[in-house]
PDB file of N, CA and C in Angstrom:
ATOM      1  N   MET A   1     -13.567  11.217  52.636  1.00  0.00           N
ATOM      2  CA  MET A   1     -13.328  12.091  53.766  1.00  0.00           C
ATOM      3  C   MET A   1     -12.679  11.305  54.896  1.00  0.00           C
ATOM      4  N   ARG A   2     -11.949  12.023  55.712  1.00  0.00           N
ATOM      5  CA  ARG A   2     -11.287  11.401  56.849  1.00  0.00           C
ATOM      6  C   ARG A   2     -12.237  11.311  58.025  1.00  0.00           C
ATOM      7  N   ALA A   3     -12.068  10.296  58.784  1.00  0.00           N
ATOM      8  CA  ALA A   3     -12.875  10.140  59.998  1.00  0.00           C
ATOM      9  C   ALA A   3     -12.375  11.118  61.059  1.00  0.00           C
ATOM     10  N   THR A   4     -13.208  11.450  62.001  1.00  0.00           N
ATOM     11  CA  THR A   4     -12.823  12.402  63.043  1.00  0.00           C
ATOM     12  C   THR A   4     -11.763  11.851  63.973  1.00  0.00           C
ATOM     13  N   ASP A   5     -11.695  10.521  64.107  1.00  0.00           N
ATOM     14  CA  ASP A   5     -10.687   9.925  64.990  1.00  0.00           C
ATOM     15  C   ASP A   5      -9.424   9.500  64.238  1.00  0.00           C
ATOM     16  N   ALA A   6      -9.289   9.896  62.971  1.00  0.00           N
ATOM     17  CA  ALA A   6      -8.107   9.552  62.180  1.00  0.00           C
ATOM     18  C   ALA A   6      -6.903  10.339  62.698  1.00  0.00           C
ATOM     19  N   PRO A   7      -5.707   9.760  62.586  1.00  0.00           N
ATOM     20  CA  PRO A   7      -4.510  10.482  63.054  1.00  0.00           C
ATOM     21  C   PRO A   7      -4.253  11.725  62.201  1.00  0.00           C
ATOM     22  N   GLN A   8      -3.620  12.718  62.824  1.00  0.00           N
ATOM     23  CA  GLN A   8      -3.305  13.958  62.139  1.00  0.00           C
ATOM     24  C   GLN A   8      -2.244  13.714  61.070  1.00  0.00           C
ATOM     25  N   VAL A   9      -2.358  14.426  59.985  1.00  0.00           N
ATOM     26  CA  VAL A   9      -1.393  14.336  58.896  1.00  0.00           C
ATOM     27  C   VAL A   9      -0.412  15.498  59.035  1.00  0.00           C
ATOM     28  N   SER A  10       0.861  15.177  59.030  1.00  0.00           N
ATOM     29  CA  SER A  10       1.886  16.221  59.107  1.00  0.00           C
ATOM     30  C   SER A  10       2.167  16.746  57.712  1.00  0.00           C
ATOM     31  N   ASN A  11       2.188  18.057  57.577  1.00  0.00           N
ATOM     32  CA  ASN A  11       2.410  18.684  56.288  1.00  0.00           C
ATOM     33  C   ASN A  11       3.470  19.763  56.455  1.00  0.00           C
ATOM     34  N   ILE A  12       4.493  19.719  55.620  1.00  0.00           N
ATOM     35  CA  ILE A  12       5.572  20.699  55.739  1.00  0.00           C
ATOM     36  C   ILE A  12       5.556  21.697  54.594  1.00  0.00           C
ATOM     37  N   ASN A  13       4.456  21.783  53.868  1.00  0.00           N
ATOM     38  CA  ASN A  13       4.388  22.724  52.750  1.00  0.00           C
ATOM     39  C   ASN A  13       4.619  24.159  53.192  1.00  0.00           C
ATOM     40  N   CYS A  14       4.071  24.550  54.341  1.00  0.00           N
ATOM     41  CA  CYS A  14       4.268  25.930  54.794  1.00  0.00           C
ATOM     42  C   CYS A  14       5.730  26.171  55.164  1.00  0.00           C
ATOM     43  N   TYR A  15       6.418  25.174  55.714  1.00  0.00           N
ATOM     44  CA  TYR A  15       7.842  25.305  56.020  1.00  0.00           C
ATOM     45  C   TYR A  15       8.634  25.578  54.729  1.00  0.00           C
ATOM     46  N   VAL A  16       8.398  24.736  53.729  1.00  0.00           N
ATOM     47  CA  VAL A  16       9.151  24.834  52.483  1.00  0.00           C
ATOM     48  C   VAL A  16       8.840  26.144  51.758  1.00  0.00           C
ATOM     49  N   THR A  17       7.574  26.534  51.734  1.00  0.00           N
ATOM     50  CA  THR A  17       7.186  27.771  51.059  1.00  0.00           C
ATOM     51  C   THR A  17       7.843  28.980  51.711  1.00  0.00           C
ATOM     52  N   GLN A  18       7.833  29.039  53.024  1.00  0.00           N
ATOM     53  CA  GLN A  18       8.429  30.178  53.721  1.00  0.00           C
ATOM     54  C   GLN A  18       9.942  30.220  53.529  1.00  0.00           C
ATOM     55  N   MET A  19      10.599  29.079  53.573  1.00  0.00           N
ATOM     56  CA  MET A  19      12.052  29.069  53.408  1.00  0.00           C
ATOM     57  C   MET A  19      12.444  29.405  51.970  1.00  0.00           C
ATOM     58  N   LEU A  20      11.678  28.927  50.987  1.00  0.00           N
ATOM     59  CA  LEU A  20      11.992  29.286  49.608  1.00  0.00           C
ATOM     60  C   LEU A  20      11.764  30.770  49.356  1.00  0.00           C
ATOM     61  N   ALA A  21      10.740  31.345  49.975  1.00  0.00           N
ATOM     62  CA  ALA A  21      10.527  32.789  49.848  1.00  0.00           C
ATOM     63  C   ALA A  21      11.699  33.567  50.451  1.00  0.00           C
ATOM     64  N   ALA A  22      12.165  33.126  51.609  1.00  0.00           N
ATOM     65  CA  ALA A  22      13.323  33.777  52.236  1.00  0.00           C
ATOM     66  C   ALA A  22      14.575  33.589  51.381  1.00  0.00           C
ATOM     67  N   SER A  23      14.746  32.408  50.806  1.00  0.00           N
ATOM     68  CA  SER A  23      15.914  32.145  49.960  1.00  0.00           C
ATOM     69  C   SER A  23      15.901  33.009  48.704  1.00  0.00           C
ATOM     70  N   LEU A  24      14.732  33.177  48.102  1.00  0.00           N
ATOM     71  CA  LEU A  24      14.641  34.033  46.918  1.00  0.00           C
ATOM     72  C   LEU A  24      14.903  35.492  47.270  1.00  0.00           C
ATOM     73  N   GLY A  25      14.482  35.915  48.457  1.00  0.00           N
ATOM     74  CA  GLY A  25      14.787  37.274  48.908  1.00  0.00           C
ATOM     75  C   GLY A  25      16.279  37.471  49.095  1.00  0.00           C
ATOM     76  N   LEU A  26      16.942  36.489  49.697  1.00  0.00           N
ATOM     77  CA  LEU A  26      18.394  36.571  49.845  1.00  0.00           C
ATOM     78  C   LEU A  26      19.089  36.590  48.490  1.00  0.00           C
ATOM     79  N   LYS A  27      18.563  35.808  47.547  1.00  0.00           N
ATOM     80  CA  LYS A  27      19.159  35.788  46.215  1.00  0.00           C
ATOM     81  C   LYS A  27      19.022  37.152  45.538  1.00  0.00           C
ATOM     82  N   LEU A  28      17.870  37.801  45.706  1.00  0.00           N
ATOM     83  CA  LEU A  28      17.661  39.129  45.127  1.00  0.00           C
ATOM     84  C   LEU A  28      18.686  40.122  45.674  1.00  0.00           C
ATOM     85  N   PHE A  29      18.895  40.109  46.983  1.00  0.00           N
ATOM     86  CA  PHE A  29      19.867  41.033  47.568  1.00  0.00           C
ATOM     87  C   PHE A  29      21.301  40.663  47.187  1.00  0.00           C
ATOM     88  N   ASP A  30      21.579  39.381  47.016  1.00  0.00           N
ATOM     89  CA  ASP A  30      22.911  38.965  46.593  1.00  0.00           C
ATOM     90  C   ASP A  30      23.191  39.423  45.168  1.00  0.00           C
ATOM     91  N   ILE A  31      22.218  39.291  44.290  1.00  0.00           N
ATOM     92  CA  ILE A  31      22.385  39.746  42.908  1.00  0.00           C
ATOM     93  C   ILE A  31      22.550  41.263  42.871  1.00  0.00           C
ATOM     94  N   THR A  32      21.746  41.973  43.654  1.00  0.00           N
ATOM     95  CA  THR A  32      21.856  43.431  43.705  1.00  0.00           C
ATOM     96  C   THR A  32      23.223  43.857  44.216  1.00  0.00           C
ATOM     97  N   ARG A  33      23.714  43.184  45.239  1.00  0.00           N
ATOM     98  CA  ARG A  33      25.039  43.502  45.774  1.00  0.00           C
ATOM     99  C   ARG A  33      26.114  43.264  44.722  1.00  0.00           C
ATOM    100  N   ARG A  34      25.983  42.186  43.969  1.00  0.00           N
ATOM    101  CA  ARG A  34      26.976  41.898  42.944  1.00  0.00           C
ATOM    102  C   ARG A  34      26.927  42.918  41.810  1.00  0.00           C
ATOM    103  N   ILE A  35      25.739  43.394  41.461  1.00  0.00           N
ATOM    104  CA  ILE A  35      25.636  44.430  40.430  1.00  0.00           C
ATOM    105  C   ILE A  35      26.289  45.711  40.920  1.00  0.00           C
ATOM    106  N   LEU A  36      26.023  46.088  42.155  1.00  0.00           N
ATOM    107  CA  LEU A  36      26.572  47.333  42.692  1.00  0.00           C
ATOM    108  C   LEU A  36      28.068  47.244  42.968  1.00  0.00           C
ATOM    109  N   MET A  37      28.597  46.031  43.049  1.00  0.00           N
ATOM    110  CA  MET A  37      30.017  45.856  43.302  1.00  0.00           C
ATOM    111  C   MET A  37      30.853  46.288  42.094  1.00  0.00           C
ATOM    112  N   TYR A  38      30.302  46.141  40.905  1.00  0.00           N
ATOM    113  CA  TYR A  38      31.027  46.505  39.683  1.00  0.00           C
ATOM    114  C   TYR A  38      30.633  47.924  39.290  1.00  0.00           C
ATOM    115  N   THR A  39      31.422  48.900  39.699  1.00  0.00           N
ATOM    116  CA  THR A  39      31.082  50.302  39.464  1.00  0.00           C
ATOM    117  C   THR A  39      32.047  51.005  38.522  1.00  0.00           C
ATOM    118  N   LYS A  40      33.039  50.308  38.021  1.00  0.00           N
ATOM    119  CA  LYS A  40      34.003  50.937  37.123  1.00  0.00           C
ATOM    120  C   LYS A  40      33.440  51.041  35.712  1.00  0.00           C
ATOM    121  N   GLU A  41      33.973  51.943  34.941  1.00  0.00           N
ATOM    122  CA  GLU A  41      33.519  52.119  33.567  1.00  0.00           C
ATOM    123  C   GLU A  41      33.817  50.900  32.702  1.00  0.00           C
ATOM    124  N   THR A  42      34.824  50.132  33.077  1.00  0.00           N
ATOM    125  CA  THR A  42      35.185  48.963  32.280  1.00  0.00           C
ATOM    126  C   THR A  42      34.291  47.763  32.558  1.00  0.00           C
ATOM    127  N   ASP A  43      33.440  47.843  33.561  1.00  0.00           N
ATOM    128  CA  ASP A  43      32.539  46.733  33.901  1.00  0.00           C
ATOM    129  C   ASP A  43      31.259  46.847  33.075  1.00  0.00           C
ATOM    130  N   ASP A  44      31.353  46.409  31.827  1.00  0.00           N
ATOM    131  CA  ASP A  44      30.222  46.555  30.912  1.00  0.00           C
ATOM    132  C   ASP A  44      29.164  45.473  31.086  1.00  0.00           C
ATOM    133  N   TYR A  45      29.536  44.322  31.593  1.00  0.00           N
ATOM    134  CA  TYR A  45      28.631  43.184  31.593  1.00  0.00           C
ATOM    135  C   TYR A  45      28.145  42.804  32.985  1.00  0.00           C
ATOM    136  N   LYS A  46      27.996  43.765  33.871  1.00  0.00           N
ATOM    137  CA  LYS A  46      27.613  43.437  35.237  1.00  0.00           C
ATOM    138  C   LYS A  46      26.194  42.886  35.318  1.00  0.00           C
ATOM    139  N   HIS A  47      25.284  43.344  34.489  1.00  0.00           N
ATOM    140  CA  HIS A  47      23.916  42.832  34.524  1.00  0.00           C
ATOM    141  C   HIS A  47      23.861  41.393  34.002  1.00  0.00           C
ATOM    142  N   ILE A  48      24.640  41.109  32.970  1.00  0.00           N
ATOM    143  CA  ILE A  48      24.689  39.745  32.441  1.00  0.00           C
ATOM    144  C   ILE A  48      25.289  38.807  33.474  1.00  0.00           C
ATOM    145  N   TYR A  49      26.333  39.269  34.157  1.00  0.00           N
ATOM    146  CA  TYR A  49      26.940  38.455  35.206  1.00  0.00           C
ATOM    147  C   TYR A  49      25.935  38.153  36.314  1.00  0.00           C
ATOM    148  N   ALA A  50      25.151  39.138  36.705  1.00  0.00           N
ATOM    149  CA  ALA A  50      24.165  38.930  37.762  1.00  0.00           C
ATOM    150  C   ALA A  50      23.078  37.957  37.325  1.00  0.00           C
ATOM    151  N   ILE A  51      22.651  38.036  36.077  1.00  0.00           N
ATOM    152  CA  ILE A  51      21.619  37.122  35.583  1.00  0.00           C
ATOM    153  C   ILE A  51      22.159  35.696  35.527  1.00  0.00           C
ATOM    154  N   ILE A  52      23.380  35.556  35.021  1.00  0.00           N
ATOM    155  CA  ILE A  52      23.973  34.216  34.962  1.00  0.00           C
ATOM    156  C   ILE A  52      24.177  33.667  36.372  1.00  0.00           C
ATOM    157  N   ARG A  53      24.639  34.506  37.276  1.00  0.00           N
ATOM    158  CA  ARG A  53      24.809  34.086  38.666  1.00  0.00           C
ATOM    159  C   ARG A  53      23.458  33.719  39.283  1.00  0.00           C
ATOM    160  N   GLY A  54      22.405  34.410  38.871  1.00  0.00           N
ATOM    161  CA  GLY A  54      21.073  34.137  39.389  1.00  0.00           C
ATOM    162  C   GLY A  54      20.502  32.798  38.943  1.00  0.00           C
ATOM    163  N   THR A  55      21.037  32.227  37.870  1.00  0.00           N
ATOM    164  CA  THR A  55      20.539  30.924  37.423  1.00  0.00           C
ATOM    165  C   THR A  55      21.114  29.778  38.249  1.00  0.00           C
ATOM    166  N   PHE A  56      22.135  30.035  39.025  1.00  0.00           N
ATOM    167  CA  PHE A  56      22.726  29.004  39.884  1.00  0.00           C
ATOM    168  C   PHE A  56      21.947  28.983  41.201  1.00  0.00           C
ATOM    169  N   PRO A  57      21.184  27.931  41.466  1.00  0.00           N
ATOM    170  CA  PRO A  57      20.220  27.953  42.581  1.00  0.00           C
ATOM    171  C   PRO A  57      20.817  27.599  43.944  1.00  0.00           C
ATOM    172  N   ILE A  58      21.900  28.228  44.336  1.00  0.00           N
ATOM    173  CA  ILE A  58      22.541  27.860  45.592  1.00  0.00           C
ATOM    174  C   ILE A  58      21.709  28.250  46.805  1.00  0.00           C
ATOM    175  N   HIS A  59      21.083  29.423  46.783  1.00  0.00           N
ATOM    176  CA  HIS A  59      20.274  29.845  47.919  1.00  0.00           C
ATOM    177  C   HIS A  59      19.071  28.927  48.099  1.00  0.00           C
ATOM    178  N   GLU A  60      18.445  28.545  46.993  1.00  0.00           N
ATOM    179  CA  GLU A  60      17.287  27.674  47.077  1.00  0.00           C
ATOM    180  C   GLU A  60      17.663  26.284  47.580  1.00  0.00           C
ATOM    181  N   LEU A  61      18.785  25.761  47.101  1.00  0.00           N
ATOM    182  CA  LEU A  61      19.219  24.438  47.553  1.00  0.00           C
ATOM    183  C   LEU A  61      19.552  24.437  49.047  1.00  0.00           C
ATOM    184  N   CYS A  62      20.289  25.438  49.484  1.00  0.00           N
ATOM    185  CA  CYS A  62      20.666  25.505  50.896  1.00  0.00           C
ATOM    186  C   CYS A  62      19.438  25.726  51.780  1.00  0.00           C
ATOM    187  N   GLY A  63      18.522  26.581  51.332  1.00  0.00           N
ATOM    188  CA  GLY A  63      17.302  26.806  52.097  1.00  0.00           C
ATOM    189  C   GLY A  63      16.443  25.558  52.191  1.00  0.00           C
ATOM    190  N   THR A  64      16.339  24.815  51.109  1.00  0.00           N
ATOM    191  CA  THR A  64      15.542  23.586  51.117  1.00  0.00           C
ATOM    192  C   THR A  64      16.183  22.532  52.000  1.00  0.00           C
ATOM    193  N   MET A  65      17.506  22.402  51.940  1.00  0.00           N
ATOM    194  CA  MET A  65      18.176  21.434  52.819  1.00  0.00           C
ATOM    195  C   MET A  65      17.957  21.793  54.283  1.00  0.00           C
ATOM    196  N   THR A  66      18.070  23.066  54.604  1.00  0.00           N
ATOM    197  CA  THR A  66      17.895  23.500  55.984  1.00  0.00           C
ATOM    198  C   THR A  66      16.474  23.247  56.457  1.00  0.00           C
ATOM    199  N   ILE A  67      15.489  23.581  55.643  1.00  0.00           N
ATOM    200  CA  ILE A  67      14.108  23.443  56.075  1.00  0.00           C
ATOM    201  C   ILE A  67      13.689  21.984  56.175  1.00  0.00           C
ATOM    202  N   LEU A  68      14.234  21.110  55.344  1.00  0.00           N
ATOM    203  CA  LEU A  68      13.893  19.695  55.476  1.00  0.00           C
ATOM    204  C   LEU A  68      14.436  19.121  56.785  1.00  0.00           C
ATOM    205  N   LEU A  69      15.643  19.522  57.161  1.00  0.00           N
ATOM    206  CA  LEU A  69      16.176  19.066  58.449  1.00  0.00           C
ATOM    207  C   LEU A  69      15.428  19.704  59.617  1.00  0.00           C
ATOM    208  N   LEU A  70      15.051  20.965  59.474  1.00  0.00           N
ATOM    209  CA  LEU A  70      14.281  21.633  60.524  1.00  0.00           C
ATOM    210  C   LEU A  70      12.902  21.005  60.672  1.00  0.00           C
ATOM    211  N   ALA A  71      12.270  20.665  59.559  1.00  0.00           N
ATOM    212  CA  ALA A  71      10.970  19.992  59.617  1.00  0.00           C
ATOM    213  C   ALA A  71      11.096  18.590  60.210  1.00  0.00           C
ATOM    214  N   ARG A  72      12.199  17.925  59.935  1.00  0.00           N
ATOM    215  CA  ARG A  72      12.416  16.608  60.549  1.00  0.00           C
ATOM    216  C   ARG A  72      12.463  16.735  62.066  1.00  0.00           C
ATOM    217  N   ARG A  73      13.105  17.825  62.530  1.00  0.00           N
ATOM    218  CA  ARG A  73      13.182  18.037  63.975  1.00  0.00           C
ATOM    219  C   ARG A  73      11.841  18.451  64.565  1.00  0.00           C
ATOM    220  N   ASP A  74      11.178  19.436  63.934  1.00  0.00           N
ATOM    221  CA  ASP A  74       9.955  19.991  64.512  1.00  0.00           C
ATOM    222  C   ASP A  74       8.733  19.119  64.288  1.00  0.00           C
ATOM    223  N   VAL A  75       8.569  18.579  63.092  1.00  0.00           N
ATOM    224  CA  VAL A  75       7.360  17.834  62.763  1.00  0.00           C
ATOM    225  C   VAL A  75       7.476  16.381  63.179  1.00  0.00           C
ATOM    226  N   LEU A  76       8.586  15.746  62.855  1.00  0.00           N
ATOM    227  CA  LEU A  76       8.745  14.327  63.168  1.00  0.00           C
ATOM    228  C   LEU A  76       9.284  14.065  64.566  1.00  0.00           C
ATOM    229  N   GLY A  77       9.841  15.070  65.186  1.00  0.00           N
ATOM    230  CA  GLY A  77      10.324  14.915  66.551  1.00  0.00           C
ATOM    231  C   GLY A  77      11.694  14.280  66.675  1.00  0.00           C
ATOM    232  N   VAL A  78      12.466  14.240  65.595  1.00  0.00           N
ATOM    233  CA  VAL A  78      13.817  13.690  65.645  1.00  0.00           C
ATOM    234  C   VAL A  78      14.705  14.703  66.363  1.00  0.00           C
ATOM    235  N   ASN A  79      15.526  14.223  67.281  1.00  0.00           N
ATOM    236  CA  ASN A  79      16.390  15.104  68.065  1.00  0.00           C
ATOM    237  C   ASN A  79      17.622  15.473  67.235  1.00  0.00           C
ATOM    238  N   LEU A  80      17.625  16.686  66.684  1.00  0.00           N
ATOM    239  CA  LEU A  80      18.751  17.180  65.896  1.00  0.00           C
ATOM    240  C   LEU A  80      19.251  18.483  66.498  1.00  0.00           C
ATOM    241  N   PRO A  81      20.537  18.570  66.801  1.00  0.00           N
ATOM    242  CA  PRO A  81      21.066  19.858  67.275  1.00  0.00           C
ATOM    243  C   PRO A  81      21.131  20.865  66.128  1.00  0.00           C
ATOM    244  N   MET A  82      21.176  22.127  66.477  1.00  0.00           N
ATOM    245  CA  MET A  82      21.155  23.184  65.472  1.00  0.00           C
ATOM    246  C   MET A  82      22.357  23.118  64.536  1.00  0.00           C
ATOM    247  N   TRP A  83      23.523  22.719  65.017  1.00  0.00           N
ATOM    248  CA  TRP A  83      24.694  22.662  64.153  1.00  0.00           C
ATOM    249  C   TRP A  83      24.529  21.598  63.073  1.00  0.00           C
ATOM    250  N   LYS A  84      23.811  20.513  63.354  1.00  0.00           N
ATOM    251  CA  LYS A  84      23.570  19.489  62.334  1.00  0.00           C
ATOM    252  C   LYS A  84      22.545  19.959  61.310  1.00  0.00           C
ATOM    253  N   ILE A  85      21.694  20.873  61.711  1.00  0.00           N
ATOM    254  CA  ILE A  85      20.702  21.412  60.782  1.00  0.00           C
ATOM    255  C   ILE A  85      21.348  22.423  59.840  1.00  0.00           C
ATOM    256  N   LEU A  86      22.209  23.268  60.371  1.00  0.00           N
ATOM    257  CA  LEU A  86      22.775  24.362  59.581  1.00  0.00           C
ATOM    258  C   LEU A  86      24.063  24.018  58.840  1.00  0.00           C
ATOM    259  N   SER A  87      24.854  23.081  59.352  1.00  0.00           N
ATOM    260  CA  SER A  87      26.189  22.843  58.787  1.00  0.00           C
ATOM    261  C   SER A  87      26.187  22.382  57.319  1.00  0.00           C
ATOM    262  N   PRO A  88      25.285  21.509  56.851  1.00  0.00           N
ATOM    263  CA  PRO A  88      25.354  21.158  55.421  1.00  0.00           C
ATOM    264  C   PRO A  88      25.136  22.353  54.498  1.00  0.00           C
ATOM    265  N   ALA A  89      24.165  23.189  54.824  1.00  0.00           N
ATOM    266  CA  ALA A  89      23.888  24.352  53.980  1.00  0.00           C
ATOM    267  C   ALA A  89      25.017  25.375  54.060  1.00  0.00           C
ATOM    268  N   VAL A  90      25.578  25.566  55.232  1.00  0.00           N
ATOM    269  CA  VAL A  90      26.693  26.517  55.382  1.00  0.00           C
ATOM    270  C   VAL A  90      27.899  26.038  54.576  1.00  0.00           C
ATOM    271  N   PHE A  91      28.186  24.756  54.623  1.00  0.00           N
ATOM    272  CA  PHE A  91      29.321  24.206  53.884  1.00  0.00           C
ATOM    273  C   PHE A  91      29.130  24.358  52.375  1.00  0.00           C
ATOM    274  N   ILE A  92      27.958  23.988  51.873  1.00  0.00           N
ATOM    275  CA  ILE A  92      27.704  24.073  50.430  1.00  0.00           C
ATOM    276  C   ILE A  92      27.697  25.524  49.969  1.00  0.00           C
ATOM    277  N   HIS A  93      27.120  26.418  50.761  1.00  0.00           N
ATOM    278  CA  HIS A  93      27.096  27.826  50.383  1.00  0.00           C
ATOM    279  C   HIS A  93      28.513  28.412  50.389  1.00  0.00           C
ATOM    280  N   ALA A  94      29.332  28.016  51.340  1.00  0.00           N
ATOM    281  CA  ALA A  94      30.717  28.488  51.378  1.00  0.00           C
ATOM    282  C   ALA A  94      31.496  27.987  50.165  1.00  0.00           C
ATOM    283  N   MET A  95      31.289  26.733  49.785  1.00  0.00           N
ATOM    284  CA  MET A  95      31.979  26.203  48.614  1.00  0.00           C
ATOM    285  C   MET A  95      31.531  26.930  47.346  1.00  0.00           C
ATOM    286  N   ALA A  96      30.261  27.287  47.259  1.00  0.00           N
ATOM    287  CA  ALA A  96      29.779  28.029  46.089  1.00  0.00           C
ATOM    288  C   ALA A  96      30.352  29.440  46.063  1.00  0.00           C
ATOM    289  N   ASN A  97      30.540  30.058  47.228  1.00  0.00           N
ATOM    290  CA  ASN A  97      31.118  31.403  47.265  1.00  0.00           C
ATOM    291  C   ASN A  97      32.591  31.401  46.901  1.00  0.00           C
ATOM    292  N   PHE A  98      33.313  30.344  47.266  1.00  0.00           N
ATOM    293  CA  PHE A  98      34.731  30.283  46.951  1.00  0.00           C
ATOM    294  C   PHE A  98      34.996  29.825  45.524  1.00  0.00           C
ATOM    295  N   ARG A  99      33.977  29.365  44.832  1.00  0.00           N
ATOM    296  CA  ARG A  99      34.114  28.910  43.449  1.00  0.00           C
ATOM    297  C   ARG A  99      34.496  30.098  42.578  1.00  0.00           C
ATOM    298  N   GLY A 100      35.571  29.985  41.861  1.00  0.00           N
ATOM    299  CA  GLY A 100      35.977  31.022  40.922  1.00  0.00           C
ATOM    300  C   GLY A 100      36.732  32.184  41.530  1.00  0.00           C
ATOM    301  N   MET A 101      37.122  32.103  42.794  1.00  0.00           N
ATOM    302  CA  MET A 101      37.873  33.206  43.398  1.00  0.00           C
ATOM    303  C   MET A 101      39.353  33.057  43.099  1.00  0.00           C
ATOM    304  N   LYS A 102      40.048  34.179  43.057  1.00  0.00           N
ATOM    305  CA  LYS A 102      41.484  34.164  42.848  1.00  0.00           C
ATOM    306  C   LYS A 102      42.205  33.735  44.122  1.00  0.00           C
ATOM    307  N   VAL A 103      43.383  33.260  43.951  1.00  0.00           N
ATOM    308  CA  VAL A 103      44.225  32.947  45.097  1.00  0.00           C
ATOM    309  C   VAL A 103      44.626  34.264  45.753  1.00  0.00           C
ATOM    310  N   SER A 104      44.671  34.294  47.075  1.00  0.00           N
ATOM    311  CA  SER A 104      44.886  35.554  47.779  1.00  0.00           C
ATOM    312  C   SER A 104      46.286  36.129  47.577  1.00  0.00           C
ATOM    313  N   CYS A 105      47.247  35.332  47.146  1.00  0.00           N
ATOM    314  CA  CYS A 105      48.598  35.864  46.971  1.00  0.00           C
ATOM    315  C   CYS A 105      48.745  36.647  45.668  1.00  0.00           C
ATOM    316  N   ILE A 106      47.779  36.549  44.764  1.00  0.00           N
ATOM    317  CA  ILE A 106      47.819  37.313  43.524  1.00  0.00           C
ATOM    318  C   ILE A 106      47.409  38.750  43.834  1.00  0.00           C
ATOM    319  N   SER A 107      48.036  39.696  43.166  1.00  0.00           N
ATOM    320  CA  SER A 107      47.683  41.104  43.417  1.00  0.00           C
ATOM    321  C   SER A 107      46.244  41.360  42.987  1.00  0.00           C
ATOM    322  N   CYS A 108      45.582  42.241  43.693  1.00  0.00           N
ATOM    323  CA  CYS A 108      44.180  42.586  43.462  1.00  0.00           C
ATOM    324  C   CYS A 108      43.287  41.348  43.564  1.00  0.00           C
ATOM    325  N   ALA A 109      43.516  40.538  44.577  1.00  0.00           N
ATOM    326  CA  ALA A 109      42.757  39.295  44.732  1.00  0.00           C
ATOM    327  C   ALA A 109      41.304  39.547  45.076  1.00  0.00           C
ATOM    328  N   CYS A 110      40.968  40.749  45.502  1.00  0.00           N
ATOM    329  CA  CYS A 110      39.577  41.020  45.835  1.00  0.00           C
ATOM    330  C   CYS A 110      38.735  41.265  44.590  1.00  0.00           C
ATOM    331  N   LEU A 111      39.352  41.418  43.424  1.00  0.00           N
ATOM    332  CA  LEU A 111      38.629  41.655  42.195  1.00  0.00           C
ATOM    333  C   LEU A 111      38.352  40.338  41.484  1.00  0.00           C
ATOM    334  N   PRO A 112      37.246  40.249  40.752  1.00  0.00           N
ATOM    335  CA  PRO A 112      36.992  39.014  39.985  1.00  0.00           C
ATOM    336  C   PRO A 112      37.924  38.919  38.789  1.00  0.00           C
ATOM    337  N   TYR A 113      37.953  37.790  38.177  1.00  0.00           N
ATOM    338  CA  TYR A 113      38.802  37.582  37.003  1.00  0.00           C
ATOM    339  C   TYR A 113      38.475  38.544  35.912  1.00  0.00           C
TER     340      TYR A 113
END
């Protein structure tokens, strides 16, 4: 057992748990949006596409990176501005969204391959 005068232990489990729950919620809505995006009769494999897309853990990675930097600021007291906390996750998430997109000069560039 710990003594009553022992220093407090910092624990970030609640930070990580809450951010992962939020990330999984965002992933659910992202998958749902992608399923609903394919509404044509020729889109036979929209559910398979959503499941395969769901195996790529981009939301979880970005959420974990953000919460670790946020916990460093809040729990450890390191002075980090908000842009330094959010920019790595925003950059990685943007790169994941642009992965596999058509070049905009091609006709019907808003449609997937």
